Amino acid sequence: MILALDVGNTNIEIGVLFNEPANYQVNHSIRFFTRLNITSDELALFILNFLKIKEINPKQIKSMIFSSVVPPLNGRIKDMFCDYFNSDIIEVNDKIDIGIVNCYKNPKEVGSDRLVNASGIYKLYKKNAIIVDMGTATTLDVLTNDGKYIGGAIVPGILTATQALTEKASRLPAISIQKKEYLLTDNTAESIEAGVYFSNYYAMTGMIQKLAQEVGFKDYLKVGTGGFSRIFAYDNIFDIIDYSLSLKGLKVIYDLNKFAYC
């Protein structure tokens, strides 16, 4: 088995996947809050406890692949795996094969999480796609059916924007981020909830359509991923919602690359 880590600004997603080539099934996964001050030992204990709960022998973990948009944690992740698992490590960076062509003006500027998602979608579907990842930021990424990542757009994530609003306006109440049926409301809390939901709904539908027009897509997949995509699961914004896309993308990249040793 392999361990896959997607290190984001808000959460670290950990998945256990099978070692067989072209097997993208996620055996087990878990998320926890990203902490900049976490030690390699703390991270190891969390993962070992997770494996114990899932009745997975740590000796079954032969390799790890990870992507990270939090560079200060990268060294600790490598130390953790070398110290506690003593196995092969692959880090997603510009030196490895990701299975797609990065057409960004400055390829090093692209967050590895965006490329991992695109790599997974290309391998699984081989279609034009617009991928919307709704996390700390909401990213929209454009992938062609011949495997070219050509860029996209970034907007503040739902929680990020909502927290900024409530922090700047002290009289506004705390709210739940959830699906809403009506924009018109008669109280402040629901007014904010409706505004958050529908502003994101129309932003997503409008920007997906705008991106498709700009690149000339006629037939394309609309893919949702990230925790907040669940809110829009029944709104017909997306053709596919895959909450494990990042882990599957990591497995795709793992299959493409030789191992770098501790």
C-alpha atoms as a PDB file:
ATOM      1  CA  MET A   1       0.000   0.000   0.000  1.00  0.00           C
ATOM      2  CA  ILE A   2       1.011   3.632  -0.408  1.00  0.00           C
ATOM      3  CA  LEU A   3       0.352   6.715   1.689  1.00  0.00           C
ATOM      4  CA  ALA A   4      -0.778   9.856  -0.136  1.00  0.00           C
ATOM      5  CA  LEU A   5      -0.776  13.292   1.496  1.00  0.00           C
ATOM      6  CA  ASP A   6      -2.348  16.417   0.043  1.00  0.00           C
ATOM      7  CA  VAL A   7      -1.101  19.283   2.203  1.00  0.00           C
ATOM      8  CA  GLY A   8      -3.323  22.335   1.896  1.00  0.00           C
ATOM      9  CA  ASN A   9      -3.486  25.649   3.706  1.00  0.00           C
ATOM     10  CA  THR A  10      -6.453  24.562   5.815  1.00  0.00           C
ATOM     11  CA  ASN A  11      -6.356  20.757   5.837  1.00  0.00           C
ATOM     12  CA  ILE A  12      -4.000  17.879   5.286  1.00  0.00           C
ATOM     13  CA  GLU A  13      -5.758  15.013   3.542  1.00  0.00           C
ATOM     14  CA  ILE A  14      -4.258  11.584   4.102  1.00  0.00           C
ATOM     15  CA  GLY A  15      -5.176   8.561   2.035  1.00  0.00           C
ATOM     16  CA  VAL A  16      -4.173   4.924   1.856  1.00  0.00           C
ATOM     17  CA  LEU A  17      -4.257   3.489  -1.653  1.00  0.00           C
ATOM     18  CA  PHE A  18      -3.346   0.178  -3.203  1.00  0.00           C
ATOM     19  CA  ASN A  19       0.067  -0.254  -4.757  1.00  0.00           C
ATOM     20  CA  GLU A  20      -1.116  -1.917  -7.971  1.00  0.00           C
ATOM     21  CA  PRO A  21      -0.664   0.204 -11.131  1.00  0.00           C
ATOM     22  CA  ALA A  22      -3.835   1.896 -12.394  1.00  0.00           C
ATOM     23  CA  ASN A  23      -5.735   1.125  -9.200  1.00  0.00           C
ATOM     24  CA  TYR A  24      -7.067   4.467  -8.000  1.00  0.00           C
ATOM     25  CA  GLN A  25      -9.381   3.205  -5.299  1.00  0.00           C
ATOM     26  CA  VAL A  26      -8.930   5.064  -2.030  1.00  0.00           C
ATOM     27  CA  ASN A  27      -8.867   2.440   0.698  1.00  0.00           C
ATOM     28  CA  HIS A  28      -9.200   4.852   3.630  1.00  0.00           C
ATOM     29  CA  SER A  29      -8.781   8.599   4.078  1.00  0.00           C
ATOM     30  CA  ILE A  30      -8.907  11.270   6.760  1.00  0.00           C
ATOM     31  CA  ARG A  31      -8.417  15.033   7.050  1.00  0.00           C
ATOM     32  CA  PHE A  32      -7.094  17.174   9.847  1.00  0.00           C
ATOM     33  CA  PHE A  33      -6.297  20.842  10.277  1.00  0.00           C
ATOM     34  CA  THR A  34      -2.997  22.079   8.914  1.00  0.00           C
ATOM     35  CA  ARG A  35      -0.748  23.373  11.687  1.00  0.00           C
ATOM     36  CA  LEU A  36       2.429  25.182  10.784  1.00  0.00           C
ATOM     37  CA  ASN A  37       3.993  24.236  14.135  1.00  0.00           C
ATOM     38  CA  ILE A  38       3.282  20.508  13.911  1.00  0.00           C
ATOM     39  CA  THR A  39       6.362  18.346  14.413  1.00  0.00           C
ATOM     40  CA  SER A  40       7.311  15.320  12.373  1.00  0.00           C
ATOM     41  CA  ASP A  41       6.706  13.154  15.449  1.00  0.00           C
ATOM     42  CA  GLU A  42       3.204  14.556  15.986  1.00  0.00           C
ATOM     43  CA  LEU A  43       2.367  13.957  12.343  1.00  0.00           C
ATOM     44  CA  ALA A  44       3.673  10.400  12.563  1.00  0.00           C
ATOM     45  CA  LEU A  45       1.617   9.659  15.679  1.00  0.00           C
ATOM     46  CA  PHE A  46      -1.527  10.971  14.008  1.00  0.00           C
ATOM     47  CA  ILE A  47      -0.973   8.791  10.948  1.00  0.00           C
ATOM     48  CA  LEU A  48      -0.021   5.727  12.977  1.00  0.00           C
ATOM     49  CA  ASN A  49      -3.180   6.092  15.088  1.00  0.00           C
ATOM     50  CA  PHE A  50      -5.229   6.468  11.916  1.00  0.00           C
ATOM     51  CA  LEU A  51      -3.699   3.278  10.492  1.00  0.00           C
ATOM     52  CA  LYS A  52      -4.326   1.447  13.770  1.00  0.00           C
ATOM     53  CA  ILE A  53      -7.996   2.445  13.792  1.00  0.00           C
ATOM     54  CA  LYS A  54      -8.339   1.225  10.205  1.00  0.00           C
ATOM     55  CA  GLU A  55      -6.504  -2.007  11.120  1.00  0.00           C
ATOM     56  CA  ILE A  56      -3.685  -1.369   8.653  1.00  0.00           C
ATOM     57  CA  ASN A  57      -0.237  -2.611   9.603  1.00  0.00           C
ATOM     58  CA  PRO A  58       2.236   0.273   9.085  1.00  0.00           C
ATOM     59  CA  LYS A  59       4.647  -2.258   7.566  1.00  0.00           C
ATOM     60  CA  GLN A  60       2.233  -2.545   4.649  1.00  0.00           C
ATOM     61  CA  ILE A  61       2.987   1.089   3.738  1.00  0.00           C
ATOM     62  CA  LYS A  62       5.857   0.829   1.281  1.00  0.00           C
ATOM     63  CA  SER A  63       5.866   4.288  -0.299  1.00  0.00           C
ATOM     64  CA  MET A  64       4.561   7.811   0.113  1.00  0.00           C
ATOM     65  CA  ILE A  65       3.664  10.534  -2.348  1.00  0.00           C
ATOM     66  CA  PHE A  66       2.730  14.026  -1.287  1.00  0.00           C
ATOM     67  CA  SER A  67       1.922  17.414  -2.709  1.00  0.00           C
ATOM     68  CA  SER A  68       2.088  20.550  -0.651  1.00  0.00           C
ATOM     69  CA  VAL A  69       1.231  24.227  -0.909  1.00  0.00           C
ATOM     70  CA  VAL A  70       2.727  24.792   2.561  1.00  0.00           C
ATOM     71  CA  PRO A  71       6.518  24.651   1.988  1.00  0.00           C
ATOM     72  CA  PRO A  72       7.509  24.929   5.700  1.00  0.00           C
ATOM     73  CA  LEU A  73       5.961  21.505   6.293  1.00  0.00           C
ATOM     74  CA  ASN A  74       7.676  19.670   3.454  1.00  0.00           C
ATOM     75  CA  GLY A  75      10.869  18.829   5.334  1.00  0.00           C
ATOM     76  CA  ARG A  76       8.941  17.600   8.362  1.00  0.00           C
ATOM     77  CA  ILE A  77       6.773  15.371   6.182  1.00  0.00           C
ATOM     78  CA  LYS A  78       9.870  13.772   4.665  1.00  0.00           C
ATOM     79  CA  ASP A  79      11.505  13.368   8.077  1.00  0.00           C
ATOM     80  CA  MET A  80       8.348  11.777   9.445  1.00  0.00           C
ATOM     81  CA  PHE A  81       8.147   9.202   6.698  1.00  0.00           C
ATOM     82  CA  CYS A  82      11.837   8.360   6.718  1.00  0.00           C
ATOM     83  CA  ASP A  83      11.926   8.014  10.522  1.00  0.00           C
ATOM     84  CA  TYR A  84       8.744   6.032  11.019  1.00  0.00           C
ATOM     85  CA  PHE A  85       8.234   4.163   7.761  1.00  0.00           C
ATOM     86  CA  ASN A  86      11.718   4.098   6.157  1.00  0.00           C
ATOM     87  CA  SER A  87      10.288   3.795   2.678  1.00  0.00           C
ATOM     88  CA  ASP A  88      10.230   5.521  -0.703  1.00  0.00           C
ATOM     89  CA  ILE A  89       9.096   9.145  -1.034  1.00  0.00           C
ATOM     90  CA  ILE A  90       7.871  11.059  -4.070  1.00  0.00           C
ATOM     91  CA  GLU A  91       7.267  14.792  -3.769  1.00  0.00           C
ATOM     92  CA  VAL A  92       5.170  16.446  -6.461  1.00  0.00           C
ATOM     93  CA  ASN A  93       7.327  19.189  -7.960  1.00  0.00           C
ATOM     94  CA  ASP A  94       8.473  20.484 -11.337  1.00  0.00           C
ATOM     95  CA  LYS A  95      11.103  17.755 -11.653  1.00  0.00           C
ATOM     96  CA  ILE A  96       8.774  14.770 -11.911  1.00  0.00           C
ATOM     97  CA  ASP A  97       6.370  13.469 -14.541  1.00  0.00           C
ATOM     98  CA  ILE A  98       2.798  14.494 -13.764  1.00  0.00           C
ATOM     99  CA  GLY A  99       1.273  13.083 -16.941  1.00  0.00           C
ATOM    100  CA  ILE A 100       0.102  16.428 -18.340  1.00  0.00           C
ATOM    101  CA  VAL A 101       1.735  19.482 -19.911  1.00  0.00           C
ATOM    102  CA  ASN A 102       1.860  22.571 -17.707  1.00  0.00           C
ATOM    103  CA  CYS A 103       1.256  25.520 -20.055  1.00  0.00           C
ATOM    104  CA  TYR A 104       1.303  28.215 -17.376  1.00  0.00           C
ATOM    105  CA  LYS A 105       3.388  31.280 -18.285  1.00  0.00           C
ATOM    106  CA  ASN A 106       5.577  30.525 -15.264  1.00  0.00           C
ATOM    107  CA  PRO A 107       5.000  26.806 -14.573  1.00  0.00           C
ATOM    108  CA  LYS A 108       6.497  27.052 -11.067  1.00  0.00           C
ATOM    109  CA  GLU A 109       3.734  29.451  -9.994  1.00  0.00           C
ATOM    110  CA  VAL A 110       1.001  26.827 -10.217  1.00  0.00           C
ATOM    111  CA  GLY A 111       0.030  25.209  -6.937  1.00  0.00           C
ATOM    112  CA  SER A 112       0.802  21.505  -6.990  1.00  0.00           C
ATOM    113  CA  ASP A 113      -2.742  20.788  -5.779  1.00  0.00           C
ATOM    114  CA  ARG A 114      -4.163  22.213  -9.012  1.00  0.00           C
ATOM    115  CA  LEU A 115      -1.837  20.100 -11.142  1.00  0.00           C
ATOM    116  CA  VAL A 116      -2.579  16.957  -9.130  1.00  0.00           C
ATOM    117  CA  ASN A 117      -6.309  17.407  -9.743  1.00  0.00           C
ATOM    118  CA  ALA A 118      -5.736  17.963 -13.458  1.00  0.00           C
ATOM    119  CA  SER A 119      -3.485  14.925 -13.689  1.00  0.00           C
ATOM    120  CA  GLY A 120      -6.162  12.767 -12.097  1.00  0.00           C
ATOM    121  CA  ILE A 121      -8.934  14.012 -14.388  1.00  0.00           C
ATOM    122  CA  TYR A 122      -6.823  13.569 -17.514  1.00  0.00           C
ATOM    123  CA  LYS A 123      -5.904   9.999 -16.649  1.00  0.00           C
ATOM    124  CA  LEU A 124      -9.447   9.028 -15.696  1.00  0.00           C
ATOM    125  CA  TYR A 125     -11.436  10.761 -18.448  1.00  0.00           C
ATOM    126  CA  LYS A 126      -9.230  12.099 -21.289  1.00  0.00           C
ATOM    127  CA  LYS A 127     -11.735  14.908 -21.923  1.00  0.00           C
ATOM    128  CA  ASN A 128     -11.779  18.682 -21.964  1.00  0.00           C
ATOM    129  CA  ALA A 129     -12.535  19.675 -18.392  1.00  0.00           C
ATOM    130  CA  ILE A 130     -13.018  22.613 -16.068  1.00  0.00           C
ATOM    131  CA  ILE A 131     -12.119  21.589 -12.522  1.00  0.00           C
ATOM    132  CA  VAL A 132     -13.458  23.567  -9.575  1.00  0.00           C
ATOM    133  CA  ASP A 133     -11.733  22.904  -6.253  1.00  0.00           C
ATOM    134  CA  MET A 134     -13.599  24.532  -3.385  1.00  0.00           C
ATOM    135  CA  GLY A 135     -11.278  24.822  -0.403  1.00  0.00           C
ATOM    136  CA  THR A 136      -9.462  27.687   1.330  1.00  0.00           C
ATOM    137  CA  ALA A 137      -9.484  29.302  -2.090  1.00  0.00           C
ATOM    138  CA  THR A 138     -11.783  28.271  -4.910  1.00  0.00           C
ATOM    139  CA  THR A 139      -9.718  27.434  -7.970  1.00  0.00           C
ATOM    140  CA  LEU A 140     -11.024  26.913 -11.476  1.00  0.00           C
ATOM    141  CA  ASP A 141      -8.659  25.060 -13.790  1.00  0.00           C
ATOM    142  CA  VAL A 142      -8.850  24.306 -17.489  1.00  0.00           C
ATOM    143  CA  LEU A 143      -7.599  21.012 -18.906  1.00  0.00           C
ATOM    144  CA  THR A 144      -7.709  19.984 -22.573  1.00  0.00           C
ATOM    145  CA  ASN A 145      -8.462  16.510 -23.869  1.00  0.00           C
ATOM    146  CA  ASP A 146      -4.860  16.143 -25.053  1.00  0.00           C
ATOM    147  CA  GLY A 147      -3.478  16.701 -21.567  1.00  0.00           C
ATOM    148  CA  LYS A 148      -2.631  20.405 -21.490  1.00  0.00           C
ATOM    149  CA  TYR A 149      -3.160  22.360 -18.299  1.00  0.00           C
ATOM    150  CA  ILE A 150      -3.697  25.894 -19.579  1.00  0.00           C
ATOM    151  CA  GLY A 151      -4.532  27.848 -16.434  1.00  0.00           C
ATOM    152  CA  GLY A 152      -7.659  29.161 -14.787  1.00  0.00           C
ATOM    153  CA  ALA A 153      -8.828  31.502 -12.053  1.00  0.00           C
ATOM    154  CA  ILE A 154      -8.659  31.824  -8.270  1.00  0.00           C
ATOM    155  CA  VAL A 155     -11.236  33.412  -5.978  1.00  0.00           C
ATOM    156  CA  PRO A 156     -11.539  33.496  -2.177  1.00  0.00           C
ATOM    157  CA  GLY A 157     -13.029  30.295  -0.806  1.00  0.00           C
ATOM    158  CA  ILE A 158     -16.487  30.246   0.732  1.00  0.00           C
ATOM    159  CA  LEU A 159     -15.270  29.996   4.319  1.00  0.00           C
ATOM    160  CA  THR A 160     -12.435  32.475   3.746  1.00  0.00           C
ATOM    161  CA  ALA A 161     -14.785  35.123   2.374  1.00  0.00           C
ATOM    162  CA  THR A 162     -17.449  34.479   5.003  1.00  0.00           C
ATOM    163  CA  GLN A 163     -14.982  34.744   7.866  1.00  0.00           C
ATOM    164  CA  ALA A 164     -13.649  38.005   6.471  1.00  0.00           C
ATOM    165  CA  LEU A 165     -17.175  39.406   6.371  1.00  0.00           C
ATOM    166  CA  THR A 166     -18.103  38.437   9.929  1.00  0.00           C
ATOM    167  CA  GLU A 167     -14.730  39.557  11.310  1.00  0.00           C
ATOM    168  CA  LYS A 168     -15.016  43.004   9.740  1.00  0.00           C
ATOM    169  CA  ALA A 169     -18.614  43.563  10.790  1.00  0.00           C
ATOM    170  CA  SER A 170     -18.903  42.841  14.494  1.00  0.00           C
ATOM    171  CA  ARG A 171     -22.706  43.031  14.621  1.00  0.00           C
ATOM    172  CA  LEU A 172     -23.206  40.272  12.052  1.00  0.00           C
ATOM    173  CA  PRO A 173     -24.116  36.883  13.528  1.00  0.00           C
ATOM    174  CA  ALA A 174     -22.286  33.637  12.959  1.00  0.00           C
ATOM    175  CA  ILE A 175     -23.867  31.566  10.197  1.00  0.00           C
ATOM    176  CA  SER A 176     -23.961  28.082   8.722  1.00  0.00           C
ATOM    177  CA  ILE A 177     -22.591  27.623   5.213  1.00  0.00           C
ATOM    178  CA  GLN A 178     -25.276  25.551   3.563  1.00  0.00           C
ATOM    179  CA  LYS A 179     -27.560  25.122   0.575  1.00  0.00           C
ATOM    180  CA  LYS A 180     -30.421  27.634   0.487  1.00  0.00           C
ATOM    181  CA  GLU A 181     -33.655  27.576  -1.477  1.00  0.00           C
ATOM    182  CA  TYR A 182     -34.426  31.287  -1.528  1.00  0.00           C
ATOM    183  CA  LEU A 183     -32.378  34.434  -1.907  1.00  0.00           C
ATOM    184  CA  LEU A 184     -35.073  36.621  -0.364  1.00  0.00           C
ATOM    185  CA  THR A 185     -34.975  36.355   3.445  1.00  0.00           C
ATOM    186  CA  ASP A 186     -36.347  38.307   6.400  1.00  0.00           C
ATOM    187  CA  ASN A 187     -33.577  38.029   8.996  1.00  0.00           C
ATOM    188  CA  THR A 188     -29.888  38.846   9.083  1.00  0.00           C
ATOM    189  CA  ALA A 189     -28.434  35.392   9.621  1.00  0.00           C
ATOM    190  CA  GLU A 190     -30.392  33.884   6.735  1.00  0.00           C
ATOM    191  CA  SER A 191     -29.632  36.927   4.600  1.00  0.00           C
ATOM    192  CA  ILE A 192     -25.927  36.208   4.957  1.00  0.00           C
ATOM    193  CA  GLU A 193     -26.407  32.469   4.403  1.00  0.00           C
ATOM    194  CA  ALA A 194     -28.427  33.095   1.250  1.00  0.00           C
ATOM    195  CA  GLY A 195     -25.965  35.680   0.013  1.00  0.00           C
ATOM    196  CA  VAL A 196     -23.014  33.346   0.546  1.00  0.00           C
ATOM    197  CA  TYR A 197     -24.728  30.411  -1.132  1.00  0.00           C
ATOM    198  CA  PHE A 198     -26.140  32.193  -4.170  1.00  0.00           C
ATOM    199  CA  SER A 199     -23.108  34.413  -4.758  1.00  0.00           C
ATOM    200  CA  ASN A 200     -20.986  31.286  -5.000  1.00  0.00           C
ATOM    201  CA  TYR A 201     -23.583  29.415  -7.058  1.00  0.00           C
ATOM    202  CA  TYR A 202     -23.784  32.124  -9.696  1.00  0.00           C
ATOM    203  CA  ALA A 203     -20.060  32.788  -9.557  1.00  0.00           C
ATOM    204  CA  MET A 204     -19.328  29.123 -10.292  1.00  0.00           C
ATOM    205  CA  THR A 205     -21.881  28.741 -13.070  1.00  0.00           C
ATOM    206  CA  GLY A 206     -20.905  32.041 -14.660  1.00  0.00           C
ATOM    207  CA  MET A 207     -17.142  31.531 -14.482  1.00  0.00           C
ATOM    208  CA  ILE A 208     -17.343  27.962 -15.777  1.00  0.00           C
ATOM    209  CA  GLN A 209     -19.333  29.204 -18.759  1.00  0.00           C
ATOM    210  CA  LYS A 210     -16.953  32.130 -19.302  1.00  0.00           C
ATOM    211  CA  LEU A 211     -13.867  29.892 -19.221  1.00  0.00           C
ATOM    212  CA  ALA A 212     -15.471  27.443 -21.654  1.00  0.00           C
ATOM    213  CA  GLN A 213     -16.216  30.299 -24.047  1.00  0.00           C
ATOM    214  CA  GLU A 214     -12.688  31.699 -23.812  1.00  0.00           C
ATOM    215  CA  VAL A 215     -11.026  28.374 -24.665  1.00  0.00           C
ATOM    216  CA  GLY A 216     -13.657  27.245 -27.168  1.00  0.00           C
ATOM    217  CA  PHE A 217     -14.918  24.203 -25.271  1.00  0.00           C
ATOM    218  CA  LYS A 218     -18.188  22.797 -26.606  1.00  0.00           C
ATOM    219  CA  ASP A 219     -18.145  19.361 -25.022  1.00  0.00           C
ATOM    220  CA  TYR A 220     -16.416  19.302 -21.648  1.00  0.00           C
ATOM    221  CA  LEU A 221     -16.635  17.929 -18.128  1.00  0.00           C
ATOM    222  CA  LYS A 222     -17.494  20.196 -15.214  1.00  0.00           C
ATOM    223  CA  VAL A 223     -15.744  18.684 -12.225  1.00  0.00           C
ATOM    224  CA  GLY A 224     -16.215  19.636  -8.587  1.00  0.00           C
ATOM    225  CA  THR A 225     -13.937  18.713  -5.716  1.00  0.00           C
ATOM    226  CA  GLY A 226     -12.939  20.057  -2.316  1.00  0.00           C
ATOM    227  CA  GLY A 227     -14.964  20.080   0.868  1.00  0.00           C
ATOM    228  CA  PHE A 228     -17.364  22.890  -0.002  1.00  0.00           C
ATOM    229  CA  SER A 229     -18.394  21.331  -3.313  1.00  0.00           C
ATOM    230  CA  ARG A 230     -20.736  19.169  -1.210  1.00  0.00           C
ATOM    231  CA  ILE A 231     -23.018  22.181  -0.767  1.00  0.00           C
ATOM    232  CA  PHE A 232     -23.642  22.203  -4.526  1.00  0.00           C
ATOM    233  CA  ALA A 233     -23.950  18.446  -4.999  1.00  0.00           C
ATOM    234  CA  TYR A 234     -27.563  18.638  -6.184  1.00  0.00           C
ATOM    235  CA  ASP A 235     -27.476  21.907  -8.107  1.00  0.00           C
ATOM    236  CA  ASN A 236     -26.393  20.565 -11.523  1.00  0.00           C
ATOM    237  CA  ILE A 237     -23.326  22.783 -11.582  1.00  0.00           C
ATOM    238  CA  PHE A 238     -21.021  19.797 -11.977  1.00  0.00           C
ATOM    239  CA  ASP A 239     -21.110  16.663 -14.092  1.00  0.00           C
ATOM    240  CA  ILE A 240     -18.845  14.940 -11.587  1.00  0.00           C
ATOM    241  CA  ILE A 241     -18.086  15.612  -7.931  1.00  0.00           C
ATOM    242  CA  ASP A 242     -15.113  13.634  -6.666  1.00  0.00           C
ATOM    243  CA  TYR A 243     -14.144  14.358  -3.077  1.00  0.00           C
ATOM    244  CA  SER A 244     -11.085  12.081  -3.381  1.00  0.00           C
ATOM    245  CA  LEU A 245      -9.769  13.596  -6.610  1.00  0.00           C
ATOM    246  CA  SER A 246      -6.523  14.854  -5.083  1.00  0.00           C
ATOM    247  CA  LEU A 247      -5.680  11.413  -3.679  1.00  0.00           C
ATOM    248  CA  LYS A 248      -6.467   9.746  -6.992  1.00  0.00           C
ATOM    249  CA  GLY A 249      -4.345  12.330  -8.804  1.00  0.00           C
ATOM    250  CA  LEU A 250      -1.466  11.591  -6.441  1.00  0.00           C
ATOM    251  CA  LYS A 251      -1.785   7.891  -7.235  1.00  0.00           C
ATOM    252  CA  VAL A 252      -1.707   8.681 -10.969  1.00  0.00           C
ATOM    253  CA  ILE A 253       1.533  10.613 -10.493  1.00  0.00           C
ATOM    254  CA  TYR A 254       2.927   7.892  -8.229  1.00  0.00           C
ATOM    255  CA  ASP A 255       2.394   5.338 -11.015  1.00  0.00           C
ATOM    256  CA  LEU A 256       4.307   7.549 -13.458  1.00  0.00           C
ATOM    257  CA  ASN A 257       7.472   7.995 -11.420  1.00  0.00           C
ATOM    258  CA  LYS A 258      10.356   6.047 -10.041  1.00  0.00           C
ATOM    259  CA  PHE A 259      11.061   6.268  -6.359  1.00  0.00           C
ATOM    260  CA  ALA A 260      13.372   8.753  -4.662  1.00  0.00           C
ATOM    261  CA  TYR A 261      14.831   7.222  -1.527  1.00  0.00           C
ATOM    262  CA  CYS A 262      15.254   8.634   1.969  1.00  0.00           C
END
